Every structure is written in C-alpha cells, then in structure tokens.
C-alpha atoms as a PDB file:
ATOM      1  CA  MET A   1      -1.422 -29.929  -8.336  1.00  0.00           C
ATOM      2  CA  ILE A   2      -1.198 -27.265 -11.029  1.00  0.00           C
ATOM      3  CA  GLU A   3       1.767 -25.027 -11.787  1.00  0.00           C
ATOM      4  CA  ALA A   4       0.895 -21.336 -11.510  1.00  0.00           C
ATOM      5  CA  VAL A   5       2.647 -17.998 -11.283  1.00  0.00           C
ATOM      6  CA  GLY A   6       1.235 -14.744  -9.862  1.00  0.00           C
ATOM      7  CA  VAL A   7       1.098 -11.752 -12.189  1.00  0.00           C
ATOM      8  CA  ARG A   8       0.184  -8.178 -11.349  1.00  0.00           C
ATOM      9  CA  PHE A   9      -0.797  -5.530 -13.914  1.00  0.00           C
ATOM     10  CA  LYS A  10      -0.673  -2.442 -11.705  1.00  0.00           C
ATOM     11  CA  CYS A  11       1.279  -1.329  -8.660  1.00  0.00           C
ATOM     12  CA  ALA A  12      -0.525  -2.780  -5.623  1.00  0.00           C
ATOM     13  CA  GLY A  13      -3.035  -4.382  -7.983  1.00  0.00           C
ATOM     14  CA  THR A  14      -4.745  -7.724  -7.548  1.00  0.00           C
ATOM     15  CA  ILE A  15      -2.541 -10.759  -8.193  1.00  0.00           C
ATOM     16  CA  TYR A  16      -3.859 -13.085 -10.900  1.00  0.00           C
ATOM     17  CA  TYR A  17      -2.532 -16.574 -11.512  1.00  0.00           C
ATOM     18  CA  PHE A  18      -1.483 -17.924 -14.901  1.00  0.00           C
ATOM     19  CA  SER A  19       0.023 -21.120 -16.190  1.00  0.00           C
ATOM     20  CA  PRO A  20       3.760 -20.653 -16.867  1.00  0.00           C
ATOM     21  CA  ASN A  21       3.194 -22.648 -20.054  1.00  0.00           C
ATOM     22  CA  GLY A  22       6.762 -23.963 -20.042  1.00  0.00           C
ATOM     23  CA  GLU A  23       8.349 -20.525 -19.573  1.00  0.00           C
ATOM     24  CA  ASP A  24      11.098 -20.240 -16.940  1.00  0.00           C
ATOM     25  CA  VAL A  25       9.676 -17.094 -15.338  1.00  0.00           C
ATOM     26  CA  LYS A  26      11.188 -15.397 -12.295  1.00  0.00           C
ATOM     27  CA  ILE A  27       9.991 -12.673  -9.939  1.00  0.00           C
ATOM     28  CA  ASN A  28      10.016  -9.225 -11.617  1.00  0.00           C
ATOM     29  CA  ASN A  29      10.011 -10.712 -15.127  1.00  0.00           C
ATOM     30  CA  LYS A  30       7.765  -8.774 -17.482  1.00  0.00           C
ATOM     31  CA  VAL A  31       5.418 -11.118 -19.336  1.00  0.00           C
ATOM     32  CA  ILE A  32       2.725 -11.121 -21.989  1.00  0.00           C
ATOM     33  CA  VAL A  33      -0.365 -13.022 -20.875  1.00  0.00           C
ATOM     34  CA  GLU A  34      -3.718 -13.965 -22.284  1.00  0.00           C
ATOM     35  CA  THR A  35      -6.676 -12.561 -20.323  1.00  0.00           C
ATOM     36  CA  SER A  36     -10.412 -12.224 -20.800  1.00  0.00           C
ATOM     37  CA  ARG A  37      -9.765  -8.638 -21.954  1.00  0.00           C
ATOM     38  CA  GLY A  38      -7.154  -9.628 -24.536  1.00  0.00           C
ATOM     39  CA  LEU A  39      -3.373  -9.638 -24.377  1.00  0.00           C
ATOM     40  CA  GLU A  40      -1.915  -7.851 -21.360  1.00  0.00           C
ATOM     41  CA  TYR A  41       1.544  -6.800 -20.180  1.00  0.00           C
ATOM     42  CA  GLY A  42       2.230  -7.694 -16.552  1.00  0.00           C
ATOM     43  CA  THR A  43       4.890  -8.341 -13.925  1.00  0.00           C
ATOM     44  CA  CYS A  44       5.550 -11.684 -12.236  1.00  0.00           C
ATOM     45  CA  VAL A  45       5.357 -11.208  -8.467  1.00  0.00           C
ATOM     46  CA  THR A  46       5.696 -14.826  -7.320  1.00  0.00           C
ATOM     47  CA  GLU A  47       7.839 -17.807  -8.137  1.00  0.00           C
ATOM     48  CA  ILE A  48       6.189 -20.761  -9.867  1.00  0.00           C
ATOM     49  CA  LYS A  49       3.845 -22.395  -7.338  1.00  0.00           C
ATOM     50  CA  HIS A  50       1.969 -25.685  -7.197  1.00  0.00           C
ATOM     51  CA  LEU A  51      -1.710 -25.055  -6.364  1.00  0.00           C
ATOM     52  CA  ASP A  52      -4.650 -27.379  -5.792  1.00  0.00           C
ATOM     53  CA  GLU A  53      -7.380 -27.148  -8.390  1.00  0.00           C
ATOM     54  CA  GLU A  54      -9.811 -26.177  -5.597  1.00  0.00           C
ATOM     55  CA  GLU A  55      -7.792 -22.979  -4.991  1.00  0.00           C
ATOM     56  CA  LEU A  56      -8.355 -21.796  -8.558  1.00  0.00           C
ATOM     57  CA  VAL A  57     -11.510 -19.944  -9.559  1.00  0.00           C
ATOM     58  CA  SER A  58     -11.323 -21.002 -13.207  1.00  0.00           C
ATOM     59  CA  PRO A  59      -8.932 -22.786 -15.575  1.00  0.00           C
ATOM     60  CA  LEU A  60      -5.653 -20.903 -15.839  1.00  0.00           C
ATOM     61  CA  LYS A  61      -4.850 -18.909 -18.942  1.00  0.00           C
ATOM     62  CA  ASN A  62      -1.306 -19.042 -20.274  1.00  0.00           C
ATOM     63  CA  ILE A  63       1.733 -16.855 -20.073  1.00  0.00           C
ATOM     64  CA  LEU A  64       2.486 -16.457 -23.753  1.00  0.00           C
ATOM     65  CA  ARG A  65       6.093 -15.280 -23.438  1.00  0.00           C
ATOM     66  CA  ILE A  66       8.549 -13.306 -21.394  1.00  0.00           C
ATOM     67  CA  ALA A  67       8.329  -9.717 -22.642  1.00  0.00           C
ATOM     68  CA  THR A  68      10.924  -8.618 -25.179  1.00  0.00           C
ATOM     69  CA  ASP A  69      12.433  -5.144 -25.547  1.00  0.00           C
ATOM     70  CA  GLU A  70       9.937  -4.509 -28.341  1.00  0.00           C
ATOM     71  CA  ASP A  71       7.087  -5.480 -26.021  1.00  0.00           C
ATOM     72  CA  LYS A  72       8.331  -3.004 -23.413  1.00  0.00           C
ATOM     73  CA  ILE A  73       8.417  -0.241 -26.041  1.00  0.00           C
ATOM     74  CA  THR A  74       4.875  -1.123 -27.122  1.00  0.00           C
ATOM     75  CA  HIS A  75       3.707  -1.037 -23.494  1.00  0.00           C
ATOM     76  CA  ASN A  76       5.204   2.428 -22.956  1.00  0.00           C
ATOM     77  CA  GLN A  77       3.654   3.686 -26.197  1.00  0.00           C
ATOM     78  CA  ASN A  78       0.281   2.356 -25.055  1.00  0.00           C
ATOM     79  CA  LYS A  79       0.580   4.315 -21.809  1.00  0.00           C
ATOM     80  CA  ILE A  80       1.265   7.526 -23.745  1.00  0.00           C
ATOM     81  CA  LYS A  81      -1.676   6.868 -26.079  1.00  0.00           C
ATOM     82  CA  ALA A  82      -3.914   6.164 -23.071  1.00  0.00           C
ATOM     83  CA  MET A  83      -3.015   9.547 -21.553  1.00  0.00           C
ATOM     84  CA  GLU A  84      -3.912  11.271 -24.820  1.00  0.00           C
ATOM     85  CA  ALA A  85      -7.158   9.296 -25.001  1.00  0.00           C
ATOM     86  CA  LYS A  86      -8.020  10.376 -21.461  1.00  0.00           C
ATOM     87  CA  GLU A  87      -7.909  14.055 -22.430  1.00  0.00           C
ATOM     88  CA  ILE A  88     -10.083  13.435 -25.478  1.00  0.00           C
ATOM     89  CA  CYS A  89     -12.580  11.460 -23.401  1.00  0.00           C
ATOM     90  CA  ARG A  90     -12.701  14.219 -20.777  1.00  0.00           C
ATOM     91  CA  THR A  91     -13.540  16.737 -23.525  1.00  0.00           C
ATOM     92  CA  LYS A  92     -16.286  14.496 -24.889  1.00  0.00           C
ATOM     93  CA  ILE A  93     -17.783  14.035 -21.424  1.00  0.00           C
ATOM     94  CA  LYS A  94     -18.147  17.825 -21.158  1.00  0.00           C
ATOM     95  CA  GLU A  95     -19.675  18.020 -24.627  1.00  0.00           C
ATOM     96  CA  HIS A  96     -22.304  15.448 -23.670  1.00  0.00           C
ATOM     97  CA  GLY A  97     -22.940  17.132 -20.312  1.00  0.00           C
ATOM     98  CA  LEU A  98     -22.477  13.940 -18.342  1.00  0.00           C
ATOM     99  CA  GLU A  99     -22.144  14.066 -14.535  1.00  0.00           C
ATOM    100  CA  MET A 100     -19.169  11.749 -14.286  1.00  0.00           C
ATOM    101  CA  SER A 101     -15.526  12.096 -13.265  1.00  0.00           C
ATOM    102  CA  LEU A 102     -12.951  10.359 -15.434  1.00  0.00           C
ATOM    103  CA  VAL A 103     -10.291   8.650 -13.309  1.00  0.00           C
ATOM    104  CA  SER A 104      -8.022   6.732 -15.676  1.00  0.00           C
ATOM    105  CA  SER A 105      -7.688   5.184 -19.113  1.00  0.00           C
ATOM    106  CA  GLU A 106      -5.758   2.193 -20.397  1.00  0.00           C
ATOM    107  CA  TYR A 107      -5.213   0.204 -23.572  1.00  0.00           C
ATOM    108  CA  THR A 108      -4.886  -3.543 -23.564  1.00  0.00           C
ATOM    109  CA  PHE A 109      -1.470  -4.615 -24.842  1.00  0.00           C
ATOM    110  CA  ASP A 110      -2.808  -5.598 -28.248  1.00  0.00           C
ATOM    111  CA  ASN A 111      -4.901  -2.401 -28.533  1.00  0.00           C
ATOM    112  CA  SER A 112      -8.043  -4.513 -28.900  1.00  0.00           C
ATOM    113  CA  LYS A 113      -9.799  -2.515 -26.182  1.00  0.00           C
ATOM    114  CA  LEU A 114      -9.598   0.974 -24.657  1.00  0.00           C
ATOM    115  CA  ILE A 115     -10.889   1.114 -21.091  1.00  0.00           C
ATOM    116  CA  PHE A 116     -11.992   4.250 -19.252  1.00  0.00           C
ATOM    117  CA  ASN A 117     -12.606   4.160 -15.493  1.00  0.00           C
ATOM    118  CA  PHE A 118     -14.887   6.789 -13.970  1.00  0.00           C
ATOM    119  CA  THR A 119     -16.832   7.656 -10.843  1.00  0.00           C
ATOM    120  CA  ALA A 120     -20.361   9.025 -10.687  1.00  0.00           C
ATOM    121  CA  ASP A 121     -23.002   9.566  -8.030  1.00  0.00           C
ATOM    122  CA  ASP A 122     -25.767   8.032 -10.163  1.00  0.00           C
ATOM    123  CA  ARG A 123     -26.185   5.689 -13.106  1.00  0.00           C
ATOM    124  CA  ILE A 124     -24.988   7.274 -16.331  1.00  0.00           C
ATOM    125  CA  ASP A 125     -26.358   6.744 -19.842  1.00  0.00           C
ATOM    126  CA  PHE A 126     -23.101   6.944 -21.789  1.00  0.00           C
ATOM    127  CA  ARG A 127     -24.151   5.151 -24.974  1.00  0.00           C
ATOM    128  CA  ASP A 128     -23.720   8.259 -27.126  1.00  0.00           C
ATOM    129  CA  LEU A 129     -20.331   8.885 -25.543  1.00  0.00           C
ATOM    130  CA  VAL A 130     -19.207   5.339 -26.348  1.00  0.00           C
ATOM    131  CA  ARG A 131     -20.255   5.739 -29.970  1.00  0.00           C
ATOM    132  CA  ASP A 132     -18.281   8.979 -30.239  1.00  0.00           C
ATOM    133  CA  LEU A 133     -15.180   7.433 -28.683  1.00  0.00           C
ATOM    134  CA  ALA A 134     -15.386   4.327 -30.857  1.00  0.00           C
ATOM    135  CA  SER A 135     -15.518   6.475 -34.006  1.00  0.00           C
ATOM    136  CA  ILE A 136     -12.432   8.392 -32.852  1.00  0.00           C
ATOM    137  CA  PHE A 137     -10.225   5.541 -31.629  1.00  0.00           C
ATOM    138  CA  LYS A 138     -11.424   2.776 -33.970  1.00  0.00           C
ATOM    139  CA  THR A 139     -11.311   0.120 -31.275  1.00  0.00           C
ATOM    140  CA  ARG A 140     -13.613  -1.439 -28.720  1.00  0.00           C
ATOM    141  CA  ILE A 141     -14.500   0.986 -25.916  1.00  0.00           C
ATOM    142  CA  GLU A 142     -15.316  -0.011 -22.340  1.00  0.00           C
ATOM    143  CA  LEU A 143     -16.465   2.442 -19.667  1.00  0.00           C
ATOM    144  CA  ARG A 144     -16.263   1.086 -16.114  1.00  0.00           C
ATOM    145  CA  GLN A 145     -17.835   2.797 -13.132  1.00  0.00           C
ATOM    146  CA  ILE A 146     -15.610   2.335 -10.079  1.00  0.00           C
ATOM    147  CA  GLY A 147     -16.028   3.214  -6.396  1.00  0.00           C
ATOM    148  CA  VAL A 148     -14.351   5.985  -4.440  1.00  0.00           C
ATOM    149  CA  ARG A 149     -11.930   3.527  -2.799  1.00  0.00           C
ATOM    150  CA  ASP A 150     -10.782   2.344  -6.240  1.00  0.00           C
ATOM    151  CA  GLN A 151     -10.438   5.979  -7.285  1.00  0.00           C
ATOM    152  CA  ALA A 152      -8.130   6.704  -4.338  1.00  0.00           C
ATOM    153  CA  LYS A 153      -6.137   3.549  -5.130  1.00  0.00           C
ATOM    154  CA  THR A 154      -5.695   4.618  -8.754  1.00  0.00           C
ATOM    155  CA  LEU A 155      -4.859   8.277  -8.172  1.00  0.00           C
ATOM    156  CA  GLY A 156      -2.876   7.931  -4.936  1.00  0.00           C
ATOM    157  CA  ALA A 157      -2.766  10.509  -2.141  1.00  0.00           C
ATOM    158  CA  LEU A 158      -1.246  11.244   1.256  1.00  0.00           C
ATOM    159  CA  GLY A 159      -3.037   9.802   4.273  1.00  0.00           C
ATOM    160  CA  CYS A 160      -3.520  11.506   7.626  1.00  0.00           C
ATOM    161  CA  CYS A 161      -0.322   9.752   8.794  1.00  0.00           C
ATOM    162  CA  GLY A 162       1.671  11.757   6.243  1.00  0.00           C
ATOM    163  CA  ARG A 163       2.546   8.719   4.146  1.00  0.00           C
ATOM    164  CA  GLU A 164       1.193   7.654   0.766  1.00  0.00           C
ATOM    165  CA  THR A 165      -2.084   5.794   1.084  1.00  0.00           C
ATOM    166  CA  CYS A 166      -1.831   2.058   1.766  1.00  0.00           C
ATOM    167  CA  CYS A 167      -4.198   1.191  -1.086  1.00  0.00           C
ATOM    168  CA  SER A 168      -1.952   2.820  -3.684  1.00  0.00           C
ATOM    169  CA  THR A 169       1.296   1.307  -2.382  1.00  0.00           C
ATOM    170  CA  PHE A 170       0.816  -2.257  -1.127  1.00  0.00           C
ATOM    171  CA  LEU A 171      -2.813  -3.275  -0.484  1.00  0.00           C
ATOM    172  CA  CYS A 172      -3.901  -5.697  -3.193  1.00  0.00           C
ATOM    173  CA  ASP A 173      -7.545  -5.879  -2.142  1.00  0.00           C
ATOM    174  CA  PHE A 174      -9.847  -3.932   0.145  1.00  0.00           C
ATOM    175  CA  ALA A 175     -10.782  -5.663   3.394  1.00  0.00           C
ATOM    176  CA  PRO A 176     -14.131  -4.882   5.055  1.00  0.00           C
ATOM    177  CA  VAL A 177     -13.792  -2.139   7.690  1.00  0.00           C
ATOM    178  CA  THR A 178     -16.592  -1.442  10.194  1.00  0.00           C
ATOM    179  CA  ILE A 179     -17.398   1.259  12.721  1.00  0.00           C
ATOM    180  CA  ASN A 180     -17.118  -1.378  15.477  1.00  0.00           C
ATOM    181  CA  MET A 181     -13.392  -1.550  14.786  1.00  0.00           C
ATOM    182  CA  ALA A 182     -13.074   2.148  15.597  1.00  0.00           C
ATOM    183  CA  LYS A 183     -15.103   1.595  18.777  1.00  0.00           C
ATOM    184  CA  ASP A 184     -12.946  -1.346  19.874  1.00  0.00           C
ATOM    185  CA  GLN A 185      -9.814   0.754  19.360  1.00  0.00           C
ATOM    186  CA  SER A 186     -11.263   3.721  21.300  1.00  0.00           C
ATOM    187  CA  TYR A 187     -11.120   6.086  18.351  1.00  0.00           C
ATOM    188  CA  SER A 188     -13.216   9.224  18.243  1.00  0.00           C
ATOM    189  CA  LEU A 189     -16.274   8.419  16.128  1.00  0.00           C
ATOM    190  CA  ASN A 190     -15.976  11.769  14.374  1.00  0.00           C
ATOM    191  CA  PRO A 191     -16.099  10.823  10.654  1.00  0.00           C
ATOM    192  CA  THR A 192     -13.296  13.243   9.807  1.00  0.00           C
ATOM    193  CA  LYS A 193     -11.007  11.459  12.283  1.00  0.00           C
ATOM    194  CA  ILE A 194     -11.542   7.909  11.088  1.00  0.00           C
ATOM    195  CA  SER A 195     -12.108   8.373   7.347  1.00  0.00           C
ATOM    196  CA  GLY A 196      -9.477   8.159   4.642  1.00  0.00           C
ATOM    197  CA  VAL A 197      -9.074  10.453   1.646  1.00  0.00           C
ATOM    198  CA  CYS A 198     -11.708   8.364  -0.149  1.00  0.00           C
ATOM    199  CA  GLY A 199     -14.312   9.266   2.478  1.00  0.00           C
ATOM    200  CA  ARG A 200     -14.626   5.675   3.676  1.00  0.00           C
ATOM    201  CA  LEU A 201     -13.358   4.240   6.966  1.00  0.00           C
ATOM    202  CA  MET A 202      -9.553   4.026   7.019  1.00  0.00           C
ATOM    203  CA  CYS A 203      -8.150   0.675   5.884  1.00  0.00           C
ATOM    204  CA  CYS A 204      -5.567   0.784   8.706  1.00  0.00           C
ATOM    205  CA  LEU A 205      -8.342   0.245  11.272  1.00  0.00           C
ATOM    206  CA  LYS A 206      -8.181  -3.383  10.157  1.00  0.00           C
ATOM    207  CA  TYR A 207      -4.481  -3.890  10.851  1.00  0.00           C
ATOM    208  CA  GLU A 208      -4.579  -4.170  14.657  1.00  0.00           C
ATOM    209  CA  GLN A 209      -8.164  -5.365  15.005  1.00  0.00           C
ATOM    210  CA  ASP A 210      -7.263  -9.003  15.659  1.00  0.00           C
ATOM    211  CA  GLY A 211      -5.010  -7.950  18.543  1.00  0.00           C
ATOM    212  CA  TYR A 212      -7.725  -5.765  20.036  1.00  0.00           C
ATOM    213  CA  GLU A 213     -10.308  -8.541  19.754  1.00  0.00           C
ATOM    214  CA  ARG A 214      -8.022 -11.017  21.557  1.00  0.00           C
ATOM    215  CA  ALA A 215      -7.300  -8.503  24.314  1.00  0.00           C
ATOM    216  CA  LEU A 216     -10.958  -7.489  24.746  1.00  0.00           C
ATOM    217  CA  LYS A 217     -11.992 -11.127  25.290  1.00  0.00           C
ATOM    218  CA  GLU A 218      -9.942 -11.092  28.509  1.00  0.00           C
ATOM    219  CA  MET A 219     -11.390  -7.799  29.751  1.00  0.00           C
ATOM    220  CA  PRO A 220     -14.708  -6.702  31.329  1.00  0.00           C
ATOM    221  CA  ASN A 221     -17.258  -4.612  29.470  1.00  0.00           C
ATOM    222  CA  ILE A 222     -17.693  -0.903  30.011  1.00  0.00           C
ATOM    223  CA  GLY A 223     -20.305  -0.452  32.743  1.00  0.00           C
ATOM    224  CA  ASP A 224     -19.517  -3.738  34.518  1.00  0.00           C
ATOM    225  CA  GLU A 225     -19.303  -3.728  38.320  1.00  0.00           C
ATOM    226  CA  VAL A 226     -15.863  -4.934  39.448  1.00  0.00           C
ATOM    227  CA  MET A 227     -13.931  -5.536  42.646  1.00  0.00           C
ATOM    228  CA  THR A 228     -10.494  -3.934  42.878  1.00  0.00           C
ATOM    229  CA  ASP A 229      -7.805  -3.413  45.506  1.00  0.00           C
ATOM    230  CA  PHE A 230      -9.395   0.029  46.041  1.00  0.00           C
ATOM    231  CA  GLY A 231     -12.911  -1.381  46.534  1.00  0.00           C
ATOM    232  CA  LYS A 232     -15.938  -1.839  44.306  1.00  0.00           C
ATOM    233  CA  GLY A 233     -16.144   0.183  41.143  1.00  0.00           C
ATOM    234  CA  THR A 234     -17.602   0.612  37.679  1.00  0.00           C
ATOM    235  CA  VAL A 235     -15.629   0.178  34.464  1.00  0.00           C
ATOM    236  CA  LEU A 236     -15.377   3.479  32.561  1.00  0.00           C
ATOM    237  CA  GLN A 237     -12.761   2.771  29.912  1.00  0.00           C
ATOM    238  CA  LEU A 238     -10.659  -0.055  28.480  1.00  0.00           C
ATOM    239  CA  ILE A 239      -7.090   0.208  27.204  1.00  0.00           C
ATOM    240  CA  PRO A 240      -6.840  -3.262  25.624  1.00  0.00           C
ATOM    241  CA  LEU A 241      -3.273  -3.362  24.312  1.00  0.00           C
ATOM    242  CA  LYS A 242      -1.892  -2.324  27.718  1.00  0.00           C
ATOM    243  CA  GLY A 243      -4.305  -4.527  29.653  1.00  0.00           C
ATOM    244  CA  ILE A 244      -5.473  -1.561  31.736  1.00  0.00           C
ATOM    245  CA  VAL A 245      -8.987  -0.712  32.915  1.00  0.00           C
ATOM    246  CA  LYS A 246     -10.174   2.708  34.067  1.00  0.00           C
ATOM    247  CA  VAL A 247     -12.524   2.249  37.036  1.00  0.00           C
ATOM    248  CA  LYS A 248     -14.727   4.708  38.954  1.00  0.00           C
ATOM    249  CA  ILE A 249     -14.600   3.863  42.638  1.00  0.00           C
ATOM    250  CA  VAL A 250     -16.977   5.216  45.309  1.00  0.00           C
ATOM    251  CA  ASN A 251     -15.851   4.932  48.965  1.00  0.00           C
ATOM    252  CA  ASP A 252     -17.694   6.814  51.735  1.00  0.00           C
ATOM    253  CA  ASP A 253     -19.089   9.350  49.267  1.00  0.00           C
ATOM    254  CA  GLU A 254     -15.611   9.910  47.836  1.00  0.00           C
ATOM    255  CA  ILE A 255     -15.383   9.306  44.113  1.00  0.00           C
ATOM    256  CA  THR A 256     -12.049   8.466  42.500  1.00  0.00           C
ATOM    257  CA  GLN A 257     -10.974   7.169  39.137  1.00  0.00           C
ATOM    258  CA  GLU A 258      -8.133   4.667  38.961  1.00  0.00           C
ATOM    259  CA  TYR A 259      -6.228   2.991  36.142  1.00  0.00           C
ATOM    260  CA  ILE A 260      -5.879  -0.651  37.190  1.00  0.00           C
ATOM    261  CA  SER A 261      -4.294  -3.726  35.633  1.00  0.00           C
ATOM    262  CA  ASN A 262      -6.912  -6.047  34.189  1.00  0.00           C
ATOM    263  CA  GLU A 263      -5.319  -8.969  36.023  1.00  0.00           C
ATOM    264  CA  SER A 264      -6.039  -7.434  39.437  1.00  0.00           C
ATOM    265  CA  ILE A 265      -9.791  -6.881  39.056  1.00  0.00           C
ATOM    266  CA  LYS A 266     -12.719  -9.271  39.332  1.00  0.00           C
ATOM    267  CA  VAL A 267     -16.073  -8.845  37.599  1.00  0.00           C
ATOM    268  CA  LEU A 268     -19.014  -9.031  40.033  1.00  0.00           C
ATOM    269  CA  GLY A 269     -22.289 -10.705  39.218  1.00  0.00           C
END
C-alpha cells in the first residue's frame, strides 16, 4: 500500500494523486507539488489514503510543501499575469489571421511554462505564433487545442435548468453520453432539447440512466402484444420510473388507450 493524497488544480478539475512526502496535509490545504509540467499550486481535496500500486497509473510525484503566504501571493500574481498574457495572445492570433478561439491561459507556479488553451474547427499551424509569444514572454509556450466540452467547463455557463453547468461546478471528468440514453428516458430527440451549452448531449442524461435501465429490464418493449385486465393490446409507451405502460386496446372495433401498471400485464408470444 502506498500513501497518497488527492490534489486538484482547478475548480471541478481532475483529481491527481501525489505522495504526501512526510507532510501532514489536510483537506483544503494549499500545496506546492511537482508535476510533469513543472511546479504547480493546488488544493488538497482528500485525506491521506492508502492505495494499491495497481490503482496508480505511474509512480507518484511528491508534495514539496504546504503553501506559504508567499506562495499564495505568487499564485495570485501568476493569475494576473496569465490574464494579461491572454489579451496579448488574442491580439497576436488576429495578426496572424488564425481561425482559432482562445479560451484560457495559465502559468505554471514556477513560471517555467505559459499554457494557452484554444478551440478550432480544423488543425492550426501556429508555429509562427508560438515563436512570437516566446519572444515576448521569454518562457516556454504551449498551445493546447481543447474540445467544446472542455471549453464550457473552463468558461462556465447557465444550463437549461437555470443552474450553473455541472461540468464547471462539480464534474471532475466527462462520462460518455449517448442518444440511447435520451431514448430510454423518453426525451424528445430534438437536438436543441437534449444538448447542453457546449452543443453536445447533456451530461445530466447520465445521472438517472442506471435507474432507467433497471426499470426497463422489467418492462415489455414498445410494440409488444400484451394481455391486460382490459383485454389484448399493444404497448405504445413506457414510463419506467413509475412502472406504468401505455397500451392500445382494441375491443369490438372500439379502440382505447389505457395507462396500466407493469405488474398487471403479461407479454404474449
């Protein structure tokens, strides 16, 4: 078993694990850690855990120290410098006539790298842009093309529910969402009804999917012939969470539609 503590670098960002390296870290402690990008300033979001080596993707890097007041000042100064760098980068993008949208910028804690995140419809040749930026900022420049879901997570927005988007408040990672989930939950398949602000299927379709799948296993399929207390009929609609089936029943040339408990019908054939 290996001691590890979870650290997050952004609100609702991915949790990365580091070795506490002898530090008595607690939840919400600000820490300086060693990463593949250089030194970073992060927040502890878990207590010290004991993990199996099989759970770890690679050997853990160390927490170097609990952040001091000076470290916090440096971190805030880096955020201000990153905002200024973003405006300069945006100007340079226009000068080079590049079809890309700058989303965010950030310095590593030790200023060894300046990272710009952007979106674009196609591949972008930004080598000249990188050279210009490197000559201005005198540090290593990294441009990262991100997807529209990451853009929404970074910028934040209000969802159709009226609340701030899940991805920008508490979702650490994006789970796969499919059109079948919308079908199972009887949503309109109109893209504007089931898409988030990013233009992709809403993440919240995933939340209740397990419950729908369990309920649907106990129910007939749409189009099945069933026997009910009202006679034979055909399944028209399922309401899984209530355990109700809408059935079209034909008796002596009279057609009716009934909402019937799933427990009181029997599938024929």
